[in-house]
């Protein structure tokens, strides 16, 4: 990722470590790749939930990064 493409705002320039991370991320995840099962804590009530519990009932979208 040696190009200086805009990110969320004008003038964003990723550092070397960010470029390496982004490159690995692009090589690992592809559209249609099944996410590995994992467990997380729900913010609303502190209960544990597995991704597989959610995907058994409906489609799930995983968002990595910020929604700004």
N, C-alpha and C. Protein backbone atom coordinates (compact mmCIF):
# COMPACT_ATOMS: atom_id res chain seq x y z
N UNK A 1 0.84 -1.18 0.00
CA UNK A 1 0.00 0.00 0.00
C UNK A 1 0.88 1.23 0.00
N UNK A 2 1.61 1.41 -1.02
CA UNK A 2 2.53 2.54 -1.09
C UNK A 2 1.87 3.80 -1.63
N UNK A 3 0.64 3.67 -2.12
CA UNK A 3 -0.08 4.84 -2.62
C UNK A 3 -0.61 5.65 -1.45
N UNK A 4 -0.70 6.94 -1.62
CA UNK A 4 -1.28 7.79 -0.59
C UNK A 4 -2.75 8.02 -0.90
N UNK A 5 -3.57 7.01 -0.61
CA UNK A 5 -5.00 7.10 -0.85
C UNK A 5 -5.68 7.69 0.38
N UNK A 6 -6.74 8.46 0.19
CA UNK A 6 -7.45 9.01 1.35
C UNK A 6 -8.07 7.90 2.18
N UNK A 7 -8.07 8.09 3.47
CA UNK A 7 -8.68 7.12 4.38
C UNK A 7 -10.03 7.67 4.79
N UNK A 8 -10.15 8.23 5.96
CA UNK A 8 -11.40 8.85 6.39
C UNK A 8 -11.37 10.36 6.25
N UNK A 9 -10.22 10.89 5.98
CA UNK A 9 -10.10 12.34 5.91
C UNK A 9 -8.89 12.69 5.08
N UNK A 10 -8.83 13.91 4.62
CA UNK A 10 -7.72 14.40 3.79
C UNK A 10 -6.41 14.33 4.58
N UNK A 11 -5.36 13.95 3.93
CA UNK A 11 -4.03 13.99 4.54
C UNK A 11 -3.67 12.81 5.41
N UNK A 12 -4.45 11.75 5.42
CA UNK A 12 -4.11 10.57 6.22
C UNK A 12 -2.96 9.84 5.56
N UNK A 13 -1.89 9.64 6.29
CA UNK A 13 -0.74 8.90 5.78
C UNK A 13 -0.43 7.76 6.75
N UNK A 14 -0.68 6.51 6.34
CA UNK A 14 -0.40 5.38 7.24
C UNK A 14 1.09 5.20 7.47
N UNK A 15 1.43 4.75 8.65
CA UNK A 15 2.81 4.42 8.97
C UNK A 15 3.17 3.05 8.40
N UNK A 16 4.45 2.69 8.49
CA UNK A 16 4.90 1.41 7.93
C UNK A 16 4.18 0.23 8.59
N UNK A 17 4.00 0.28 9.90
CA UNK A 17 3.35 -0.82 10.60
C UNK A 17 1.90 -0.97 10.15
N UNK A 18 1.20 0.13 9.96
CA UNK A 18 -0.18 0.07 9.48
C UNK A 18 -0.24 -0.52 8.07
N UNK A 19 0.70 -0.15 7.23
CA UNK A 19 0.73 -0.69 5.86
C UNK A 19 0.93 -2.20 5.88
N UNK A 20 1.82 -2.68 6.75
CA UNK A 20 2.06 -4.12 6.85
C UNK A 20 0.81 -4.84 7.36
N UNK A 21 0.17 -4.27 8.38
CA UNK A 21 -1.05 -4.88 8.92
C UNK A 21 -2.13 -4.94 7.86
N UNK A 22 -2.32 -3.85 7.11
CA UNK A 22 -3.36 -3.81 6.09
C UNK A 22 -3.07 -4.83 4.99
N UNK A 23 -1.80 -4.96 4.62
CA UNK A 23 -1.42 -5.92 3.59
C UNK A 23 -1.75 -7.35 4.04
N UNK A 24 -1.42 -7.69 5.29
CA UNK A 24 -1.73 -9.03 5.81
C UNK A 24 -3.24 -9.25 5.88
N UNK A 25 -3.98 -8.22 6.28
CA UNK A 25 -5.43 -8.31 6.37
C UNK A 25 -6.03 -8.61 5.00
N UNK A 26 -5.55 -7.92 3.97
CA UNK A 26 -6.07 -8.14 2.62
C UNK A 26 -5.76 -9.55 2.12
N UNK A 27 -4.62 -10.10 2.49
CA UNK A 27 -4.23 -11.43 2.03
C UNK A 27 -4.98 -12.53 2.77
N UNK A 28 -5.41 -12.26 3.99
CA UNK A 28 -6.05 -13.27 4.83
C UNK A 28 -7.55 -13.38 4.60
N UNK A 29 -8.23 -12.24 4.58
CA UNK A 29 -9.68 -12.24 4.45
C UNK A 29 -10.11 -11.89 3.04
N UNK A 30 -10.98 -12.70 2.51
CA UNK A 30 -11.54 -12.48 1.17
C UNK A 30 -13.06 -12.49 1.28
N UNK A 31 -13.71 -11.85 0.34
CA UNK A 31 -15.17 -11.87 0.31
C UNK A 31 -15.63 -13.32 0.24
N UNK A 32 -16.57 -13.66 1.10
CA UNK A 32 -17.11 -15.01 1.13
C UNK A 32 -16.38 -15.95 2.06
N UNK A 33 -15.26 -15.51 2.65
CA UNK A 33 -14.54 -16.35 3.60
C UNK A 33 -15.35 -16.49 4.88
N UNK A 34 -15.50 -17.70 5.37
CA UNK A 34 -16.25 -17.91 6.61
C UNK A 34 -15.40 -17.48 7.80
N UNK A 35 -15.98 -16.68 8.67
CA UNK A 35 -15.27 -16.21 9.86
C UNK A 35 -15.09 -17.35 10.84
N UNK A 36 -13.97 -17.38 11.55
CA UNK A 36 -13.80 -18.40 12.58
C UNK A 36 -14.76 -18.14 13.75
N UNK A 37 -15.20 -19.19 14.39
CA UNK A 37 -16.10 -19.03 15.53
C UNK A 37 -15.33 -18.40 16.69
N UNK A 38 -15.97 -17.49 17.40
CA UNK A 38 -15.35 -16.88 18.58
C UNK A 38 -16.44 -16.50 19.56
N UNK A 39 -16.03 -16.22 20.79
CA UNK A 39 -16.95 -15.83 21.84
C UNK A 39 -16.66 -14.41 22.25
N UNK A 40 -17.72 -13.64 22.51
CA UNK A 40 -17.58 -12.25 22.94
C UNK A 40 -18.60 -11.96 24.03
N UNK A 41 -18.38 -10.87 24.74
CA UNK A 41 -19.30 -10.44 25.79
C UNK A 41 -20.21 -9.36 25.24
N UNK A 42 -21.52 -9.55 25.42
CA UNK A 42 -22.48 -8.54 24.98
C UNK A 42 -22.41 -7.35 25.91
N UNK A 43 -22.42 -6.16 25.34
CA UNK A 43 -22.34 -4.94 26.13
C UNK A 43 -23.62 -4.69 26.92
N UNK A 44 -24.75 -5.08 26.36
CA UNK A 44 -26.03 -4.76 27.00
C UNK A 44 -26.27 -5.49 28.31
N UNK A 45 -25.77 -6.75 28.43
CA UNK A 45 -26.07 -7.50 29.65
C UNK A 45 -24.90 -8.33 30.18
N UNK A 46 -23.75 -8.28 29.51
CA UNK A 46 -22.56 -8.98 30.00
C UNK A 46 -22.55 -10.47 29.73
N UNK A 47 -23.57 -10.99 29.04
CA UNK A 47 -23.62 -12.42 28.73
C UNK A 47 -22.65 -12.75 27.60
N UNK A 48 -22.15 -13.98 27.64
CA UNK A 48 -21.26 -14.47 26.58
C UNK A 48 -22.10 -14.96 25.41
N UNK A 49 -21.63 -14.71 24.20
CA UNK A 49 -22.33 -15.18 23.01
C UNK A 49 -21.27 -15.64 21.99
N UNK A 50 -21.58 -16.72 21.30
CA UNK A 50 -20.68 -17.23 20.26
C UNK A 50 -21.20 -16.79 18.89
N UNK A 51 -20.27 -16.57 17.98
CA UNK A 51 -20.66 -16.22 16.62
C UNK A 51 -21.55 -17.31 16.02
N UNK A 52 -21.23 -18.56 16.29
CA UNK A 52 -22.02 -19.67 15.74
C UNK A 52 -23.46 -19.65 16.26
N UNK A 53 -23.69 -19.13 17.48
CA UNK A 53 -25.06 -19.01 18.00
C UNK A 53 -25.85 -18.01 17.16
N UNK A 54 -25.21 -16.95 16.72
CA UNK A 54 -25.89 -15.91 15.94
C UNK A 54 -26.11 -16.35 14.50
N UNK A 55 -25.11 -16.98 13.90
CA UNK A 55 -25.24 -17.38 12.50
C UNK A 55 -26.24 -18.51 12.31
N UNK A 56 -26.53 -19.25 13.37
CA UNK A 56 -27.53 -20.32 13.28
C UNK A 56 -28.94 -19.74 13.11
N UNK A 57 -29.13 -18.48 13.53
CA UNK A 57 -30.47 -17.87 13.49
C UNK A 57 -30.64 -16.88 12.34
N UNK A 58 -29.57 -16.22 11.90
CA UNK A 58 -29.70 -15.20 10.86
C UNK A 58 -28.34 -14.86 10.27
N UNK A 59 -28.33 -14.00 9.27
CA UNK A 59 -27.08 -13.51 8.70
C UNK A 59 -26.40 -12.57 9.69
N UNK A 60 -25.08 -12.55 9.67
CA UNK A 60 -24.31 -11.70 10.57
C UNK A 60 -23.30 -10.91 9.76
N UNK A 61 -23.16 -9.63 10.04
CA UNK A 61 -22.15 -8.79 9.41
C UNK A 61 -21.13 -8.42 10.48
N UNK A 62 -19.86 -8.70 10.20
CA UNK A 62 -18.78 -8.32 11.11
C UNK A 62 -18.11 -7.07 10.57
N UNK A 63 -18.03 -6.04 11.39
CA UNK A 63 -17.40 -4.78 11.00
C UNK A 63 -16.10 -4.65 11.79
N UNK A 64 -15.00 -4.56 11.06
CA UNK A 64 -13.70 -4.35 11.68
C UNK A 64 -13.28 -2.92 11.40
N UNK A 65 -12.91 -2.20 12.41
CA UNK A 65 -12.52 -0.82 12.22
C UNK A 65 -13.56 0.11 12.80
N UNK A 66 -13.47 1.36 12.43
CA UNK A 66 -14.39 2.33 13.00
C UNK A 66 -15.46 2.71 11.99
N UNK A 67 -16.56 3.13 12.50
CA UNK A 67 -17.66 3.62 11.67
C UNK A 67 -17.72 5.13 11.86
N UNK A 68 -16.82 5.82 11.19
CA UNK A 68 -16.78 7.28 11.36
C UNK A 68 -17.23 7.97 10.11
